[in-house]
């Protein structure tokens, strides 16, 4: 086991266990053990995903940190809020839609939600119940650059990362929040994002240029 503890990597909607492999490799070089479980984010309800993950991480050596992308942040927050690991470390979330996503709202209006989001629909729309306050060390990285510079402007408040607005990523009680010029889809592979993830896991804060 590596000396800094374990990092649980939770992927976004429709992705799989290998979605964050460059970040896993980066953190391993920084002396962390990484564990990237896959889960059927579209077909399994959130409580069932949380129950499955809780069993999978029960034997990890601590401290147990979390690094999440998009919907993975919703999953981690529910898990930690309901029954946090006794050896919980720090948490970094990349573009978490805590306030919901206007893209999800659009899919509902177009009646495409059951095709695209399925079981996760109720967790991703903007009208759902507000998330509980974060009472754990939480750093959030938000993107401000969309791959498509035009279409997101029609549906997602600016600034946004193409799918989630900057305002929607925030969560009451968070420890730190930083904005980077990266897109929602590609941010998990961005070197600047990886460096900020490692900084928060190591120190409990993000680094900012002087």
Foldseek 3Di string as FASTA:
>chain_A
DFDLFEEEEEEAAPDFQCLLVLLCVVVVVVRYHYDRHTDNQQEDALVVVLVVVCVVCLPTDDPYEYEYAAVSVVSVLVNCVVPNHPNHAAYEYEQYQQQAWQVLVVCVVVVNCCVRRNNCSQVHHNPHDHRDADPGLYEYEFEQAEPDPPVLVVGEDPRHQNIHHPVRRDGHNYQYYYYDHHHRSCLSVDPQSSQQVVVCRVPSYGDDDD
